[in-house]
Amino acid sequence: MKRPDTLTVIAITVVVAVITDLLHEALGHGGACLLSHGQPILLTTVSFDCSFDSRFISAGGTLVNLLAGTVFLFAGRAVRSPRLKLFFWLLLTFNFLDSGGYFLFSGIANIGDWADVIRGFRPSWAWHALLTAVGAASYLFFVWISLRELQPLLSPDQPTRLARARRYLLIPYFTHGTLFTSAGLFNPIGMILVAISAMAASFGGCSAMVWMGLWLRGNLIAPPAEEGAIVERSPAWIAAAVVLAVPFVFVLGRGIRF
């Protein structure tokens, strides 16, 4: 059985992880700050500081992730290259899982962006229950969407389908988490953000990638009608990953002050 190239899958994941983070922190929170006539102060891989706080600024990151995931859903259907299909599939998966995961995490733990959005709403328990329910429902829905969109990269043969899905799920999961945690270690705010943002958003928010492949064992997700193309070695993707990973960890990880 021919397997997807591990280095290229890692490289595509690195590029996707950097883009997803910038969409959330820079375009999402940063864009909301500018639209609110605020002054950007600090951008890191795990936070964006504006001259003032608001519910809109707190919500901005997730709102952009939801919009981006929708755009990448349709973009992935329009391309034929297996590497580009994987690229857009990971973009929709990370953006969607980050969104649903944020709702769920903030609802349960009362920390994070959406805990700030609903802070002060009464009764507090009802808002947290609602946020938790929305998070759980949306997270499972996004898992279903993600698995459906992965099928063109898989095989109609069930053992091959499961084996290939594991590689497309587990390699990106651990790559994404390791990259985010490594960059988060350099953040100037403190180690608390490594736990509640870097690790929570990557290893926690995308934890479905560890178990969602089990859904392929039943009839919930229809297998592809034909054999999917394999992601093969690409020096260009590997070079792009190195070029992006170094400044992401050592520059953006430390933070950019405005």
Protein backbone atom coordinates (compact mmCIF):
# COMPACT_ATOMS: atom_id res chain seq x y z
CA MET A 1 0.00 0.00 0.00
CA LYS A 2 1.43 3.33 -1.06
CA ARG A 3 1.46 5.88 1.76
CA PRO A 4 1.28 9.69 1.74
CA ASP A 5 4.71 11.29 2.11
CA THR A 6 5.19 12.10 5.80
CA LEU A 7 7.51 15.09 5.33
CA THR A 8 5.17 16.72 2.86
CA VAL A 9 2.12 16.16 5.10
CA ILE A 10 4.07 17.75 7.97
CA ALA A 11 5.13 20.66 5.75
CA ILE A 12 1.60 21.36 4.51
CA THR A 13 0.39 21.23 8.13
CA VAL A 14 2.97 23.80 9.21
CA VAL A 15 1.89 26.21 6.47
CA VAL A 16 -1.77 25.68 7.36
CA ALA A 17 -1.14 26.13 11.10
CA VAL A 18 0.60 29.47 10.52
CA ILE A 19 -2.21 30.71 8.25
CA THR A 20 -4.91 29.59 10.70
CA ASP A 21 -3.21 31.33 13.61
CA LEU A 22 -2.80 34.59 11.67
CA LEU A 23 -6.44 34.44 10.60
CA HIS A 24 -7.52 34.12 14.24
CA GLU A 25 -5.15 36.52 15.98
CA ALA A 26 -4.21 39.10 13.33
CA LEU A 27 -7.22 39.25 11.01
CA GLY A 28 -9.83 38.23 13.58
CA HIS A 29 -8.88 39.98 16.81
CA GLY A 30 -6.67 42.54 15.09
CA GLY A 31 -9.23 43.38 12.45
CA ALA A 32 -11.95 43.77 15.08
CA CYS A 33 -9.62 46.07 17.05
CA LEU A 34 -9.08 48.31 14.02
CA LEU A 35 -12.78 48.29 13.09
CA SER A 36 -13.52 49.41 16.65
CA HIS A 37 -11.01 52.28 16.24
CA GLY A 38 -8.64 50.70 18.75
CA GLN A 39 -4.86 50.78 18.72
CA PRO A 40 -3.05 47.44 18.23
CA ILE A 41 -0.44 46.88 20.93
CA LEU A 42 0.95 43.35 20.71
CA LEU A 43 0.53 40.37 18.35
CA THR A 44 1.83 36.91 19.30
CA THR A 45 0.94 33.39 18.23
CA VAL A 46 -1.36 33.06 21.26
CA SER A 47 -2.82 36.53 21.78
CA PHE A 48 -3.64 39.93 20.37
CA ASP A 49 -3.65 42.99 22.62
CA CYS A 50 -5.71 46.02 21.70
CA SER A 51 -5.83 49.40 23.46
CA PHE A 52 -9.22 48.37 24.88
CA ASP A 53 -11.33 45.24 25.21
CA SER A 54 -14.79 44.58 23.83
CA ARG A 55 -17.06 41.65 23.12
CA PHE A 56 -16.62 42.22 19.39
CA ILE A 57 -12.82 42.07 19.63
CA SER A 58 -13.00 38.88 21.71
CA ALA A 59 -15.38 37.27 19.21
CA GLY A 60 -13.42 38.42 16.15
CA GLY A 61 -10.99 35.50 16.03
CA THR A 62 -13.64 32.80 15.99
CA LEU A 63 -15.88 34.69 13.57
CA VAL A 64 -13.04 34.90 11.06
CA ASN A 65 -12.23 31.20 11.57
CA LEU A 66 -15.85 30.28 10.81
CA LEU A 67 -15.90 32.41 7.66
CA ALA A 68 -12.50 31.13 6.54
CA GLY A 69 -13.48 27.50 7.11
CA THR A 70 -16.51 27.98 4.88
CA VAL A 71 -14.41 29.55 2.12
CA PHE A 72 -11.83 26.75 2.32
CA LEU A 73 -14.59 24.13 2.19
CA PHE A 74 -15.55 25.26 -1.30
CA ALA A 75 -11.97 25.99 -2.37
CA GLY A 76 -10.98 22.40 -1.56
CA ARG A 77 -13.73 21.05 -3.79
CA ALA A 78 -12.48 23.15 -6.71
CA VAL A 79 -8.89 21.81 -6.82
CA ARG A 80 -7.61 18.48 -8.12
CA SER A 81 -4.02 18.36 -6.88
CA PRO A 82 -3.83 16.02 -3.84
CA ARG A 83 -1.41 18.38 -2.08
CA LEU A 84 -3.75 21.33 -2.58
CA LYS A 85 -6.70 19.21 -1.52
CA LEU A 86 -4.89 18.34 1.70
CA PHE A 87 -3.93 22.00 2.15
CA PHE A 88 -7.53 23.23 1.91
CA TRP A 89 -8.85 20.27 3.89
CA LEU A 90 -6.52 21.06 6.79
CA LEU A 91 -7.45 24.74 6.57
CA LEU A 92 -11.17 23.99 6.85
CA THR A 93 -10.56 21.40 9.58
CA PHE A 94 -8.34 23.57 11.79
CA ASN A 95 -10.55 26.65 11.34
CA PHE A 96 -13.78 24.78 12.05
CA LEU A 97 -12.46 22.73 14.99
CA ASP A 98 -10.90 25.84 16.51
CA SER A 99 -14.29 27.56 16.31
CA GLY A 100 -16.38 24.79 17.83
CA GLY A 101 -13.65 24.06 20.36
CA TYR A 102 -13.56 27.67 21.54
CA PHE A 103 -17.31 27.68 22.21
CA LEU A 104 -17.06 24.42 24.15
CA PHE A 105 -13.90 25.34 26.07
CA SER A 106 -15.15 28.77 27.10
CA GLY A 107 -18.55 27.42 28.08
CA ILE A 108 -17.13 24.75 30.35
CA ALA A 109 -13.97 26.37 31.74
CA ASN A 110 -15.14 30.03 31.79
CA ILE A 111 -11.89 31.22 30.21
CA GLY A 112 -10.97 32.16 26.67
CA ASP A 113 -12.49 34.42 24.04
CA TRP A 114 -16.12 33.41 24.36
CA ALA A 115 -16.08 33.51 28.13
CA ASP A 116 -15.20 37.19 27.65
CA VAL A 117 -18.00 37.60 25.11
CA ILE A 118 -20.71 36.41 27.53
CA ARG A 119 -19.15 37.83 30.71
CA GLY A 120 -21.75 39.83 32.63
CA PHE A 121 -24.72 38.17 30.95
CA ARG A 122 -27.31 36.90 33.42
CA PRO A 123 -28.09 34.28 34.45
CA SER A 124 -24.47 33.22 34.02
CA TRP A 125 -25.15 29.48 34.29
CA ALA A 126 -27.69 29.61 31.46
CA TRP A 127 -25.32 31.41 29.11
CA HIS A 128 -22.53 28.96 29.90
CA ALA A 129 -24.89 26.03 29.35
CA LEU A 130 -25.97 27.51 26.01
CA LEU A 131 -22.38 28.14 24.94
CA THR A 132 -21.40 24.60 25.92
CA ALA A 133 -24.34 23.12 23.99
CA VAL A 134 -23.54 25.21 20.90
CA GLY A 135 -19.90 24.20 21.20
CA ALA A 136 -20.62 20.47 21.47
CA ALA A 137 -23.14 20.48 18.62
CA SER A 138 -21.00 22.59 16.28
CA TYR A 139 -17.84 20.60 17.08
CA LEU A 140 -19.49 17.29 16.15
CA PHE A 141 -21.00 18.86 13.04
CA PHE A 142 -17.58 20.14 11.97
CA VAL A 143 -16.08 16.69 12.54
CA TRP A 144 -18.69 15.26 10.18
CA ILE A 145 -18.01 17.93 7.55
CA SER A 146 -14.26 17.39 7.83
CA LEU A 147 -14.51 13.63 7.35
CA ARG A 148 -16.80 14.02 4.35
CA GLU A 149 -14.35 16.42 2.69
CA LEU A 150 -11.42 14.07 3.39
CA GLN A 151 -12.89 11.24 1.31
CA PRO A 152 -11.40 12.29 -2.08
CA LEU A 153 -7.95 11.67 -0.56
CA LEU A 154 -8.85 8.19 0.67
CA SER A 155 -9.68 4.81 -0.85
CA PRO A 156 -12.90 2.80 -1.35
CA ASP A 157 -11.05 -0.20 0.12
CA GLN A 158 -11.89 -0.08 3.84
CA PRO A 159 -8.51 -1.13 5.36
CA THR A 160 -6.64 1.26 3.06
CA ARG A 161 -9.18 4.00 3.75
CA LEU A 162 -8.70 3.72 7.51
CA ALA A 163 -4.91 3.50 7.33
CA ARG A 164 -4.63 6.51 5.05
CA ALA A 165 -7.09 8.53 7.16
CA ARG A 166 -5.00 7.86 10.28
CA ARG A 167 -1.97 9.40 8.60
CA TYR A 168 -3.91 12.46 7.41
CA LEU A 169 -5.34 12.93 10.90
CA LEU A 170 -2.58 12.04 13.35
CA ILE A 171 0.45 13.50 11.58
CA PRO A 172 -1.19 16.96 11.26
CA TYR A 173 -2.58 16.77 14.81
CA PHE A 174 0.81 16.28 16.46
CA THR A 175 2.58 18.64 14.04
CA HIS A 176 0.05 21.40 14.72
CA GLY A 177 0.19 20.95 18.49
CA THR A 178 3.97 20.82 18.62
CA LEU A 179 4.38 23.93 16.48
CA PHE A 180 1.86 25.97 18.51
CA THR A 181 3.25 24.87 21.85
CA SER A 182 6.83 25.59 20.78
CA ALA A 183 5.92 29.10 19.61
CA GLY A 184 3.80 29.70 22.70
CA LEU A 185 6.77 29.04 24.98
CA PHE A 186 8.31 32.31 23.78
CA ASN A 187 5.27 34.50 24.42
CA PRO A 188 6.05 37.56 26.61
CA ILE A 189 2.89 37.35 28.70
CA GLY A 190 3.64 34.18 30.63
CA MET A 191 3.41 30.41 30.76
CA ILE A 192 -0.30 30.55 31.56
CA LEU A 193 -0.97 31.31 27.88
CA VAL A 194 0.87 28.14 26.89
CA ALA A 195 -1.69 26.11 28.83
CA ILE A 196 -4.91 28.03 28.13
CA SER A 197 -4.16 29.13 24.57
CA ALA A 198 -1.28 27.39 22.77
CA MET A 199 -1.92 23.85 24.03
CA ALA A 200 -5.68 24.28 24.52
CA ALA A 201 -6.22 25.60 20.99
CA SER A 202 -4.00 23.02 19.28
CA PHE A 203 -3.85 19.75 21.21
CA GLY A 204 -7.22 20.47 22.85
CA GLY A 205 -9.20 22.24 20.16
CA CYS A 206 -8.18 19.79 17.44
CA SER A 207 -8.32 16.69 19.66
CA ALA A 208 -11.08 15.28 17.44
CA MET A 209 -8.33 14.40 14.96
CA VAL A 210 -7.24 11.66 17.37
CA TRP A 211 -10.61 9.88 17.42
CA MET A 212 -12.70 11.09 14.47
CA GLY A 213 -11.28 8.39 12.19
CA LEU A 214 -13.40 5.89 14.14
CA TRP A 215 -16.46 7.35 12.42
CA LEU A 216 -15.18 5.88 9.17
CA ARG A 217 -15.75 2.33 10.45
CA GLY A 218 -19.52 2.54 10.08
CA ASN A 219 -21.90 3.89 7.47
CA LEU A 220 -22.02 7.47 8.74
CA ILE A 221 -19.51 8.69 6.13
CA ALA A 222 -19.82 7.20 2.64
CA PRO A 223 -16.49 6.00 1.18
CA PRO A 224 -15.16 7.56 -2.03
CA ALA A 225 -16.31 6.08 -5.32
CA GLU A 226 -12.76 5.82 -6.64
CA GLU A 227 -9.18 5.65 -5.40
CA GLY A 228 -7.87 8.99 -4.17
CA ALA A 229 -4.52 10.33 -5.30
CA ILE A 230 -1.61 10.12 -2.86
CA VAL A 231 0.19 13.17 -1.45
CA GLU A 232 3.72 12.74 -2.78
CA ARG A 233 7.02 14.36 -1.80
CA SER A 234 7.23 18.09 -2.55
CA PRO A 235 10.48 20.00 -1.89
CA ALA A 236 8.58 23.26 -2.48
CA TRP A 237 6.12 22.59 0.35
CA ILE A 238 8.93 21.49 2.66
CA ALA A 239 10.92 24.66 1.92
CA ALA A 240 7.81 26.82 2.47
CA ALA A 241 7.24 25.17 5.85
CA VAL A 242 10.79 25.93 7.00
CA VAL A 243 10.56 29.53 5.79
CA LEU A 244 7.33 30.06 7.74
CA ALA A 245 8.07 27.99 10.85
CA VAL A 246 11.25 29.79 11.90
CA PRO A 247 9.79 33.34 12.12
CA PHE A 248 6.49 31.94 13.45
CA VAL A 249 8.22 30.38 16.46
CA PHE A 250 11.08 32.79 17.11
CA VAL A 251 9.62 36.13 15.97
CA LEU A 252 5.84 35.94 16.24
CA GLY A 253 6.19 33.65 19.23
CA ARG A 254 8.01 36.43 21.10
CA GLY A 255 5.53 38.97 19.81
CA ILE A 256 5.42 41.98 17.52
CA ARG A 257 4.75 45.33 19.21
CA PHE A 258 3.06 48.16 17.31
